Amino acid sequence: MKIGELAERTGLAPSRIRFYEGIGLLKVERQPNGYRTYPPQAALVLNLIATAQKAGFSLDEIRMLLPPDLTQWQHGSLLETLRRKVQDIEELEARLAQSKAHLIAIVAEIEAKPEAMDCAANAKRVLSRIQLGELESPALVSGDVKALHKVSQR
């Protein structure tokens, strides 16, 4: 099938289909005139890619997960990868819950400003408590910010 038909079947823009082809996630044959011809399973592959991305898999992870031939799935490897992704999500959820609790504690501390104190003095008071470790810092790790950004883009 041609790219227009594949785009119509999947709801993806032709540019996205070409992108997936360019990074090696989608196989395509070229006709002598240069036109792309996609195999019937291309729509399934694109749907798998979209589903995996919605589940939080990066394109590199999808590349490692997708077999060259969809009839050659490695059952054990697939289950292990999916379970590992669930564990990653659970760990991120735990870190996010801790970060949320930390932010709620900071908000409460800011709101507990003594009436006679101005905002600048209150800011110093709160920052001092944070610096002394009286308010715990969040446990986000470097990959969390990237993961959060991906989630916020949906």
Protein backbone atom coordinates (compact mmCIF):
# COMPACT_ATOMS: atom_id res chain seq x y z
CA MET A 1 0.00 0.00 0.00
CA LYS A 2 1.10 3.58 -0.56
CA ILE A 3 1.80 6.07 2.22
CA GLY A 4 -1.49 7.95 1.72
CA GLU A 5 -3.53 4.82 2.27
CA LEU A 6 -1.43 3.86 5.30
CA ALA A 7 -1.86 7.34 6.74
CA GLU A 8 -5.61 7.10 6.26
CA ARG A 9 -5.78 3.65 7.91
CA THR A 10 -3.73 4.69 10.93
CA GLY A 11 -4.66 8.34 11.33
CA LEU A 12 -0.99 9.28 11.29
CA ALA A 13 0.49 12.03 9.15
CA PRO A 14 2.69 10.83 6.28
CA SER A 15 5.57 12.78 7.81
CA ARG A 16 5.28 10.72 11.02
CA ILE A 17 5.20 7.50 9.01
CA ARG A 18 8.35 8.60 7.15
CA PHE A 19 9.93 9.48 10.50
CA TYR A 20 9.29 5.97 11.86
CA GLU A 21 10.68 4.57 8.65
CA GLY A 22 13.74 6.80 8.92
CA ILE A 23 14.59 5.62 12.43
CA GLY A 24 14.16 1.98 11.48
CA LEU A 25 10.88 1.16 13.22
CA LEU A 26 8.95 0.62 10.01
CA LYS A 27 10.12 -1.38 7.01
CA VAL A 28 9.29 -0.19 3.52
CA GLU A 29 10.05 -1.26 -0.02
CA ARG A 30 10.86 1.17 -2.79
CA GLN A 31 9.43 0.76 -6.24
CA PRO A 32 11.65 1.52 -9.26
CA ASN A 33 9.95 4.93 -9.53
CA GLY A 34 10.95 5.75 -5.91
CA TYR A 35 7.48 5.40 -4.39
CA ARG A 36 7.24 3.70 -1.03
CA THR A 37 5.23 0.51 -0.76
CA TYR A 38 4.25 -0.61 2.72
CA PRO A 39 3.43 -4.22 3.59
CA PRO A 40 -0.02 -5.07 5.00
CA GLN A 41 1.42 -5.42 8.52
CA ALA A 42 2.66 -1.78 8.46
CA ALA A 43 -0.64 -0.52 9.92
CA LEU A 44 -0.33 -3.02 12.77
CA VAL A 45 3.28 -1.97 13.43
CA LEU A 46 2.27 1.70 13.53
CA ASN A 47 -0.58 0.94 15.91
CA LEU A 48 1.82 -1.00 18.15
CA ILE A 49 4.24 1.95 18.13
CA ALA A 50 1.46 4.39 19.06
CA THR A 51 0.18 2.11 21.82
CA ALA A 52 3.67 1.60 23.22
CA GLN A 53 4.33 5.34 23.23
CA LYS A 54 1.06 5.97 25.07
CA ALA A 55 2.21 3.39 27.64
CA GLY A 56 5.38 5.40 28.22
CA PHE A 57 7.88 3.52 26.07
CA SER A 58 10.56 5.58 24.34
CA LEU A 59 11.28 5.01 20.66
CA ASP A 60 14.54 3.28 21.60
CA GLU A 61 12.65 0.93 23.92
CA ILE A 62 10.12 0.23 21.17
CA ARG A 63 12.94 -0.51 18.74
CA MET A 64 14.31 -3.10 21.18
CA LEU A 65 10.84 -4.54 21.81
CA LEU A 66 9.59 -4.92 18.24
CA PRO A 67 10.88 -8.03 16.49
CA PRO A 68 11.84 -7.72 12.81
CA ASP A 69 9.01 -10.12 12.05
CA LEU A 70 5.85 -9.78 14.14
CA THR A 71 5.37 -13.54 14.11
CA GLN A 72 8.64 -13.91 16.06
CA TRP A 73 7.70 -12.30 19.40
CA GLN A 74 9.81 -13.65 22.24
CA HIS A 75 7.12 -14.31 24.87
CA GLY A 76 9.43 -14.27 27.89
CA SER A 77 11.34 -11.20 26.75
CA LEU A 78 8.13 -9.31 25.99
CA LEU A 79 6.65 -10.10 29.40
CA GLU A 80 9.89 -9.13 31.14
CA THR A 81 10.01 -5.81 29.31
CA LEU A 82 6.37 -5.02 30.09
CA ARG A 83 6.80 -5.92 33.76
CA ARG A 84 9.92 -3.76 33.95
CA LYS A 85 7.97 -0.82 32.49
CA VAL A 86 5.21 -1.31 35.08
CA GLN A 87 7.89 -1.30 37.81
CA ASP A 88 9.43 1.89 36.38
CA ILE A 89 6.00 3.56 36.44
CA GLU A 90 5.40 2.45 40.03
CA GLU A 91 8.78 3.85 41.09
CA LEU A 92 8.00 7.14 39.35
CA GLU A 93 4.59 7.26 41.06
CA ALA A 94 6.26 6.78 44.45
CA ARG A 95 8.77 9.56 43.78
CA LEU A 96 6.00 11.83 42.54
CA ALA A 97 3.93 11.16 45.66
CA GLN A 98 6.95 12.07 47.79
CA SER A 99 7.50 15.25 45.75
CA LYS A 100 3.83 16.16 46.07
CA ALA A 101 3.98 15.72 49.84
CA HIS A 102 7.08 17.90 49.94
CA LEU A 103 5.39 20.67 47.94
CA ILE A 104 2.29 20.49 50.12
CA ALA A 105 4.52 20.86 53.18
CA ILE A 106 6.20 23.92 51.66
CA VAL A 107 2.82 25.47 50.80
CA ALA A 108 1.65 24.86 54.37
CA GLU A 109 4.86 26.38 55.72
CA ILE A 110 4.46 29.48 53.53
CA GLU A 111 0.80 29.80 54.55
CA ALA A 112 1.82 29.54 58.23
CA LYS A 113 3.42 33.00 58.00
CA PRO A 114 3.08 34.85 61.27
CA GLU A 115 0.76 37.82 60.87
CA ALA A 116 3.35 40.44 61.74
CA MET A 117 5.95 39.02 59.34
CA ASP A 118 6.38 40.43 55.82
CA CYS A 119 6.73 38.17 52.76
CA ALA A 120 10.51 38.60 52.43
CA ALA A 121 11.09 37.58 56.04
CA ASN A 122 8.70 34.65 55.61
CA ALA A 123 10.59 33.52 52.52
CA LYS A 124 13.84 33.58 54.51
CA ARG A 125 12.15 31.64 57.32
CA VAL A 126 10.87 28.95 54.94
CA LEU A 127 14.16 28.70 53.04
CA SER A 128 16.03 28.42 56.32
CA ARG A 129 13.80 25.50 57.41
CA ILE A 130 14.40 23.80 54.07
CA GLN A 131 18.16 24.35 54.36
CA LEU A 132 18.19 22.93 57.89
CA GLY A 133 16.43 19.82 56.60
CA GLU A 134 13.27 20.48 58.56
CA LEU A 135 11.35 20.14 55.29
CA GLU A 136 12.48 17.13 53.28
CA SER A 137 13.57 17.62 49.70
CA PRO A 138 11.87 15.74 46.86
CA ALA A 139 13.33 12.48 45.60
CA LEU A 140 12.99 13.10 41.88
CA VAL A 141 15.82 11.66 39.81
CA SER A 142 17.13 13.02 36.51
CA GLY A 143 14.89 10.88 34.28
CA ASP A 144 11.74 11.95 36.12
CA VAL A 145 11.75 15.45 34.64
CA LYS A 146 11.90 13.99 31.12
CA ALA A 147 9.13 11.49 31.96
CA LEU A 148 6.97 14.24 33.44
CA HIS A 149 7.48 16.37 30.33
CA LYS A 150 6.32 13.47 28.13
CA VAL A 151 3.20 13.01 30.28
CA SER A 152 2.38 16.74 30.19
CA GLN A 153 2.55 16.74 26.38
CA ARG A 154 -0.31 14.22 26.07
